[in-house]
Amino acid sequence: MTEIDFHTLNLRADAGETWADLEREVAECWPEHAGVVAHYPGAFPATLTGPVDGVAELVAQAQAAGLHTYGLTNWSAETFPHGVHVAPVIGTLDGVVVSGEVGLIKPDPAIFAVLVERYGVEPTRTLFVDDKEVNVEAALALGFLGHVFTGADGLRERLRSLGVDVGAAAGTPGSPALTARSPATVDAPVAPVAAESPS
């Protein structure tokens, strides 16, 4: 897999190329690896480890607090549906921009523009959350608020720092009531999310 640089092939699929086209390229350039790429989309579900702990709960709390939530994800259009099955929280979002469907990938500013134009997101009222610092830096340069995701607890504290009371994690005594006080938008891993407060 190192010889055919699968990581780069995966990024190209995320950017909109089909796995069938990538398989043809591999078969022509590295005949000994023919069939490897063609097998990948069908085997993809086995590579998914499931949702990130606490994210579904936090997204639900953010929505209950009045925030709009959106996804902005680098994902092949062909394999993205598998993610929805593994992480059902994706299906609860107000909308999702999938890189493989629009032919653009983060951190390209153009994919952020798609999010803004498609859903009317206001960058200065939006907290962009991503597990890759380079993507958060790109969002900051475009006027978004930003948060590098390392876990649900850290994101919860970031939202609270913006005045959004998303309550405590399940099982925590004395969970405060949910209220929406200030704008925010969230983009998280497995459900790279975007959450924006209503006007």
C-alpha atoms as a PDB file:
ATOM      1  CA  MET A   1       0.000   0.000   0.000  1.00  0.00           C
ATOM      2  CA  THR A   2       2.996   2.275   0.572  1.00  0.00           C
ATOM      3  CA  GLU A   3       4.075   1.900  -3.053  1.00  0.00           C
ATOM      4  CA  ILE A   4       0.735   3.086  -4.410  1.00  0.00           C
ATOM      5  CA  ASP A   5       0.502   5.840  -1.727  1.00  0.00           C
ATOM      6  CA  PHE A   6      -2.942   4.882  -0.509  1.00  0.00           C
ATOM      7  CA  HIS A   7      -3.149   7.961   1.727  1.00  0.00           C
ATOM      8  CA  THR A   8      -2.972  10.224  -1.328  1.00  0.00           C
ATOM      9  CA  LEU A   9      -5.487   8.075  -3.198  1.00  0.00           C
ATOM     10  CA  ASN A  10      -7.861   8.377  -0.252  1.00  0.00           C
ATOM     11  CA  LEU A  11      -7.505  12.176  -0.270  1.00  0.00           C
ATOM     12  CA  ARG A  12      -8.263  12.194  -3.993  1.00  0.00           C
ATOM     13  CA  ALA A  13     -11.418  10.187  -3.328  1.00  0.00           C
ATOM     14  CA  ASP A  14     -12.321  12.668  -0.592  1.00  0.00           C
ATOM     15  CA  ALA A  15     -11.905  15.393  -3.213  1.00  0.00           C
ATOM     16  CA  GLY A  16     -14.386  13.745  -5.557  1.00  0.00           C
ATOM     17  CA  GLU A  17     -12.553  11.155  -7.685  1.00  0.00           C
ATOM     18  CA  THR A  18     -14.277   7.786  -7.894  1.00  0.00           C
ATOM     19  CA  TRP A  19     -12.731   4.629  -6.509  1.00  0.00           C
ATOM     20  CA  ALA A  20     -13.279   2.975  -9.892  1.00  0.00           C
ATOM     21  CA  ASP A  21     -11.112   5.611 -11.592  1.00  0.00           C
ATOM     22  CA  LEU A  22      -8.446   5.277  -8.918  1.00  0.00           C
ATOM     23  CA  GLU A  23      -8.481   1.479  -9.312  1.00  0.00           C
ATOM     24  CA  ARG A  24      -7.904   1.817 -13.061  1.00  0.00           C
ATOM     25  CA  GLU A  25      -4.937   4.092 -12.416  1.00  0.00           C
ATOM     26  CA  VAL A  26      -3.413   1.700  -9.897  1.00  0.00           C
ATOM     27  CA  ALA A  27      -3.962  -1.304 -12.166  1.00  0.00           C
ATOM     28  CA  GLU A  28      -2.167   0.473 -15.026  1.00  0.00           C
ATOM     29  CA  CYS A  29       0.761   1.783 -12.973  1.00  0.00           C
ATOM     30  CA  TRP A  30       1.164  -1.067 -10.462  1.00  0.00           C
ATOM     31  CA  PRO A  31      -0.396  -4.229 -11.971  1.00  0.00           C
ATOM     32  CA  GLU A  32       0.716  -6.257  -8.959  1.00  0.00           C
ATOM     33  CA  HIS A  33      -1.705  -4.193  -6.836  1.00  0.00           C
ATOM     34  CA  ALA A  34      -4.665  -4.505  -9.210  1.00  0.00           C
ATOM     35  CA  GLY A  35      -7.893  -5.066  -7.315  1.00  0.00           C
ATOM     36  CA  VAL A  36      -6.690  -3.603  -4.014  1.00  0.00           C
ATOM     37  CA  VAL A  37      -8.379  -0.233  -4.472  1.00  0.00           C
ATOM     38  CA  ALA A  38     -11.499  -1.768  -6.018  1.00  0.00           C
ATOM     39  CA  HIS A  39     -11.921  -3.842  -2.841  1.00  0.00           C
ATOM     40  CA  TYR A  40     -11.625  -0.881  -0.480  1.00  0.00           C
ATOM     41  CA  PRO A  41     -15.121   0.728  -0.687  1.00  0.00           C
ATOM     42  CA  GLY A  42     -16.803  -2.570   0.177  1.00  0.00           C
ATOM     43  CA  ALA A  43     -14.388  -3.198   3.052  1.00  0.00           C
ATOM     44  CA  PHE A  44     -14.599   0.378   4.323  1.00  0.00           C
ATOM     45  CA  PRO A  45     -17.224  -0.237   7.057  1.00  0.00           C
ATOM     46  CA  ALA A  46     -14.782  -2.559   8.834  1.00  0.00           C
ATOM     47  CA  THR A  47     -12.312   0.324   9.180  1.00  0.00           C
ATOM     48  CA  LEU A  48     -14.762   2.468  11.171  1.00  0.00           C
ATOM     49  CA  THR A  49     -14.366   2.354  14.932  1.00  0.00           C
ATOM     50  CA  GLY A  50     -17.699   3.966  15.779  1.00  0.00           C
ATOM     51  CA  PRO A  51     -18.734   7.361  17.138  1.00  0.00           C
ATOM     52  CA  VAL A  52     -16.482   9.405  19.399  1.00  0.00           C
ATOM     53  CA  ASP A  53     -17.501   9.122  23.059  1.00  0.00           C
ATOM     54  CA  GLY A  54     -19.789  11.919  24.189  1.00  0.00           C
ATOM     55  CA  VAL A  55     -20.206  13.618  20.813  1.00  0.00           C
ATOM     56  CA  ALA A  56     -23.782  12.483  20.103  1.00  0.00           C
ATOM     57  CA  GLU A  57     -24.878  13.605  23.563  1.00  0.00           C
ATOM     58  CA  LEU A  58     -23.152  16.969  23.198  1.00  0.00           C
ATOM     59  CA  VAL A  59     -24.631  17.573  19.747  1.00  0.00           C
ATOM     60  CA  ALA A  60     -28.105  16.796  21.122  1.00  0.00           C
ATOM     61  CA  GLN A  61     -27.543  19.207  24.009  1.00  0.00           C
ATOM     62  CA  ALA A  62     -26.291  21.913  21.657  1.00  0.00           C
ATOM     63  CA  GLN A  63     -29.384  21.482  19.508  1.00  0.00           C
ATOM     64  CA  ALA A  64     -31.626  21.574  22.572  1.00  0.00           C
ATOM     65  CA  ALA A  65     -29.901  24.826  23.524  1.00  0.00           C
ATOM     66  CA  GLY A  66     -31.016  26.303  20.207  1.00  0.00           C
ATOM     67  CA  LEU A  67     -27.857  25.893  18.135  1.00  0.00           C
ATOM     68  CA  HIS A  68     -27.914  24.935  14.466  1.00  0.00           C
ATOM     69  CA  THR A  69     -25.500  22.083  13.746  1.00  0.00           C
ATOM     70  CA  TYR A  70     -23.856  21.326  10.401  1.00  0.00           C
ATOM     71  CA  GLY A  71     -21.270  18.907   9.121  1.00  0.00           C
ATOM     72  CA  LEU A  72     -18.255  19.843   6.993  1.00  0.00           C
ATOM     73  CA  THR A  73     -16.384  16.648   6.299  1.00  0.00           C
ATOM     74  CA  ASN A  74     -13.556  15.338   4.134  1.00  0.00           C
ATOM     75  CA  TRP A  75     -15.131  12.078   2.997  1.00  0.00           C
ATOM     76  CA  SER A  76     -15.590  10.174  -0.252  1.00  0.00           C
ATOM     77  CA  ALA A  77     -19.133  10.454  -1.549  1.00  0.00           C
ATOM     78  CA  GLU A  78     -19.100   6.681  -2.067  1.00  0.00           C
ATOM     79  CA  THR A  79     -18.174   5.752   1.504  1.00  0.00           C
ATOM     80  CA  PHE A  80     -19.873   8.578   3.426  1.00  0.00           C
ATOM     81  CA  PRO A  81     -23.211   6.698   3.768  1.00  0.00           C
ATOM     82  CA  HIS A  82     -21.418   4.055   5.855  1.00  0.00           C
ATOM     83  CA  GLY A  83     -20.445   6.766   8.332  1.00  0.00           C
ATOM     84  CA  VAL A  84     -24.073   7.710   8.872  1.00  0.00           C
ATOM     85  CA  HIS A  85     -24.853   4.121   9.885  1.00  0.00           C
ATOM     86  CA  VAL A  86     -21.921   3.949  12.300  1.00  0.00           C
ATOM     87  CA  ALA A  87     -22.479   7.434  13.765  1.00  0.00           C
ATOM     88  CA  PRO A  88     -26.246   8.126  13.577  1.00  0.00           C
ATOM     89  CA  VAL A  89     -25.722  11.602  15.066  1.00  0.00           C
ATOM     90  CA  ILE A  90     -24.709  12.691  11.549  1.00  0.00           C
ATOM     91  CA  GLY A  91     -28.326  12.203  10.495  1.00  0.00           C
ATOM     92  CA  THR A  92     -29.510  14.641  13.160  1.00  0.00           C
ATOM     93  CA  LEU A  93     -27.501  17.578  11.809  1.00  0.00           C
ATOM     94  CA  ASP A  94     -29.193  20.476  10.039  1.00  0.00           C
ATOM     95  CA  GLY A  95     -27.047  19.809   6.991  1.00  0.00           C
ATOM     96  CA  VAL A  96     -23.751  18.292   5.856  1.00  0.00           C
ATOM     97  CA  VAL A  97     -21.254  19.367   3.193  1.00  0.00           C
ATOM     98  CA  VAL A  98     -19.397  16.247   1.990  1.00  0.00           C
ATOM     99  CA  SER A  99     -16.109  16.973   0.238  1.00  0.00           C
ATOM    100  CA  GLY A 100     -16.484  14.098  -2.211  1.00  0.00           C
ATOM    101  CA  GLU A 101     -19.828  15.488  -3.368  1.00  0.00           C
ATOM    102  CA  VAL A 102     -18.585  19.034  -3.969  1.00  0.00           C
ATOM    103  CA  GLY A 103     -15.082  18.214  -5.257  1.00  0.00           C
ATOM    104  CA  LEU A 104     -13.297  20.249  -2.577  1.00  0.00           C
ATOM    105  CA  ILE A 105     -11.503  19.324   0.638  1.00  0.00           C
ATOM    106  CA  LYS A 106     -10.558  21.084   3.840  1.00  0.00           C
ATOM    107  CA  PRO A 107      -8.507  23.209   4.378  1.00  0.00           C
ATOM    108  CA  ASP A 108      -9.345  24.751   0.976  1.00  0.00           C
ATOM    109  CA  PRO A 109     -11.236  28.007   1.705  1.00  0.00           C
ATOM    110  CA  ALA A 110     -13.602  27.139  -1.142  1.00  0.00           C
ATOM    111  CA  ILE A 111     -15.260  24.325   0.817  1.00  0.00           C
ATOM    112  CA  PHE A 112     -15.930  26.703   3.703  1.00  0.00           C
ATOM    113  CA  ALA A 113     -17.576  29.000   1.158  1.00  0.00           C
ATOM    114  CA  VAL A 114     -19.889  26.142   0.162  1.00  0.00           C
ATOM    115  CA  LEU A 115     -20.955  25.752   3.807  1.00  0.00           C
ATOM    116  CA  VAL A 116     -21.572  29.491   4.126  1.00  0.00           C
ATOM    117  CA  GLU A 117     -23.511  29.799   0.872  1.00  0.00           C
ATOM    118  CA  ARG A 118     -25.540  26.597   1.187  1.00  0.00           C
ATOM    119  CA  TYR A 119     -26.718  27.105   4.760  1.00  0.00           C
ATOM    120  CA  GLY A 120     -26.372  30.849   5.306  1.00  0.00           C
ATOM    121  CA  VAL A 121     -23.772  30.327   8.028  1.00  0.00           C
ATOM    122  CA  GLU A 122     -22.211  33.513   9.416  1.00  0.00           C
ATOM    123  CA  PRO A 123     -18.505  32.815  10.127  1.00  0.00           C
ATOM    124  CA  THR A 124     -18.257  35.282  13.018  1.00  0.00           C
ATOM    125  CA  ARG A 125     -21.216  33.527  14.683  1.00  0.00           C
ATOM    126  CA  THR A 126     -19.835  30.061  14.032  1.00  0.00           C
ATOM    127  CA  LEU A 127     -17.528  27.856  16.075  1.00  0.00           C
ATOM    128  CA  PHE A 128     -15.691  25.572  13.678  1.00  0.00           C
ATOM    129  CA  VAL A 129     -14.528  22.376  15.386  1.00  0.00           C
ATOM    130  CA  ASP A 130     -12.131  19.906  13.791  1.00  0.00           C
ATOM    131  CA  ASP A 131      -9.567  17.379  15.004  1.00  0.00           C
ATOM    132  CA  LYS A 132      -6.932  18.728  12.592  1.00  0.00           C
ATOM    133  CA  GLU A 133      -5.277  21.992  13.540  1.00  0.00           C
ATOM    134  CA  VAL A 134      -4.612  22.923   9.901  1.00  0.00           C
ATOM    135  CA  ASN A 135      -8.361  22.922   9.212  1.00  0.00           C
ATOM    136  CA  VAL A 136      -9.091  25.038  12.273  1.00  0.00           C
ATOM    137  CA  GLU A 137      -6.390  27.507  11.230  1.00  0.00           C
ATOM    138  CA  ALA A 138      -8.017  27.774   7.799  1.00  0.00           C
ATOM    139  CA  ALA A 139     -11.377  28.487   9.427  1.00  0.00           C
ATOM    140  CA  LEU A 140      -9.869  31.144  11.712  1.00  0.00           C
ATOM    141  CA  ALA A 141      -8.330  32.872   8.686  1.00  0.00           C
ATOM    142  CA  LEU A 142     -11.833  33.074   7.193  1.00  0.00           C
ATOM    143  CA  GLY A 143     -13.309  34.724  10.275  1.00  0.00           C
ATOM    144  CA  PHE A 144     -14.742  31.666  12.020  1.00  0.00           C
ATOM    145  CA  LEU A 145     -14.237  30.957  15.680  1.00  0.00           C
ATOM    146  CA  GLY A 146     -12.241  27.757  16.086  1.00  0.00           C
ATOM    147  CA  HIS A 147     -11.633  24.791  18.347  1.00  0.00           C
ATOM    148  CA  VAL A 148      -9.245  21.865  17.860  1.00  0.00           C
ATOM    149  CA  PHE A 149     -11.217  18.803  18.931  1.00  0.00           C
ATOM    150  CA  THR A 150      -9.513  16.423  21.373  1.00  0.00           C
ATOM    151  CA  GLY A 151     -12.647  15.171  23.118  1.00  0.00           C
ATOM    152  CA  ALA A 152     -16.239  16.012  23.975  1.00  0.00           C
ATOM    153  CA  ASP A 153     -15.339  17.465  27.380  1.00  0.00           C
ATOM    154  CA  GLY A 154     -13.001  20.034  25.862  1.00  0.00           C
ATOM    155  CA  LEU A 155     -15.607  21.057  23.317  1.00  0.00           C
ATOM    156  CA  ARG A 156     -18.224  21.354  26.039  1.00  0.00           C
ATOM    157  CA  GLU A 157     -15.966  23.754  27.938  1.00  0.00           C
ATOM    158  CA  ARG A 158     -15.289  25.759  24.756  1.00  0.00           C
ATOM    159  CA  LEU A 159     -19.009  26.186  24.158  1.00  0.00           C
ATOM    160  CA  ARG A 160     -19.493  27.261  27.745  1.00  0.00           C
ATOM    161  CA  SER A 161     -16.702  29.822  27.344  1.00  0.00           C
ATOM    162  CA  LEU A 162     -18.807  31.348  24.565  1.00  0.00           C
ATOM    163  CA  GLY A 163     -21.783  31.582  26.902  1.00  0.00           C
ATOM    164  CA  VAL A 164     -23.596  28.513  25.599  1.00  0.00           C
ATOM    165  CA  ASP A 165     -24.851  26.383  28.480  1.00  0.00           C
ATOM    166  CA  VAL A 166     -24.832  22.852  27.128  1.00  0.00           C
ATOM    167  CA  GLY A 167     -25.146  21.264  30.543  1.00  0.00           C
ATOM    168  CA  ALA A 168     -22.989  18.527  31.987  1.00  0.00           C
ATOM    169  CA  ALA A 169     -22.182  15.116  30.563  1.00  0.00           C
ATOM    170  CA  ALA A 170     -24.664  12.325  31.258  1.00  0.00           C
ATOM    171  CA  GLY A 171     -24.399  11.027  34.791  1.00  0.00           C
ATOM    172  CA  THR A 172     -22.883  14.236  36.132  1.00  0.00           C
ATOM    173  CA  PRO A 173     -24.726  15.492  39.240  1.00  0.00           C
ATOM    174  CA  GLY A 174     -26.273  18.917  39.059  1.00  0.00           C
ATOM    175  CA  SER A 175     -26.475  19.304  35.281  1.00  0.00           C
ATOM    176  CA  PRO A 176     -27.540  22.893  34.592  1.00  0.00           C
ATOM    177  CA  ALA A 177     -30.525  23.741  32.429  1.00  0.00           C
ATOM    178  CA  LEU A 178     -29.896  24.212  28.715  1.00  0.00           C
ATOM    179  CA  THR A 179     -30.046  27.754  27.387  1.00  0.00           C
ATOM    180  CA  ALA A 180     -28.713  29.397  24.245  1.00  0.00           C
ATOM    181  CA  ARG A 181     -26.947  32.636  25.094  1.00  0.00           C
ATOM    182  CA  SER A 182     -24.411  33.323  22.407  1.00  0.00           C
ATOM    183  CA  PRO A 183     -23.620  32.357  18.845  1.00  0.00           C
ATOM    184  CA  ALA A 184     -21.633  29.259  18.066  1.00  0.00           C
ATOM    185  CA  THR A 185     -21.134  26.642  15.324  1.00  0.00           C
ATOM    186  CA  VAL A 186     -19.461  23.269  15.709  1.00  0.00           C
ATOM    187  CA  ASP A 187     -17.484  20.906  13.427  1.00  0.00           C
ATOM    188  CA  ALA A 188     -16.450  17.629  15.099  1.00  0.00           C
ATOM    189  CA  PRO A 189     -14.789  14.354  14.108  1.00  0.00           C
ATOM    190  CA  VAL A 190     -16.693  11.298  12.859  1.00  0.00           C
ATOM    191  CA  ALA A 191     -19.467  13.841  12.582  1.00  0.00           C
ATOM    192  CA  PRO A 192     -17.329  16.809  11.639  1.00  0.00           C
ATOM    193  CA  VAL A 193     -20.059  19.084  12.817  1.00  0.00           C
ATOM    194  CA  ALA A 194     -20.788  22.758  12.536  1.00  0.00           C
ATOM    195  CA  ALA A 195     -23.104  24.365  15.113  1.00  0.00           C
ATOM    196  CA  GLU A 196     -24.500  27.844  14.764  1.00  0.00           C
ATOM    197  CA  SER A 197     -26.795  29.727  17.092  1.00  0.00           C
ATOM    198  CA  PRO A 198     -30.054  31.040  15.623  1.00  0.00           C
ATOM    199  CA  SER A 199     -30.326  34.756  14.993  1.00  0.00           C
END
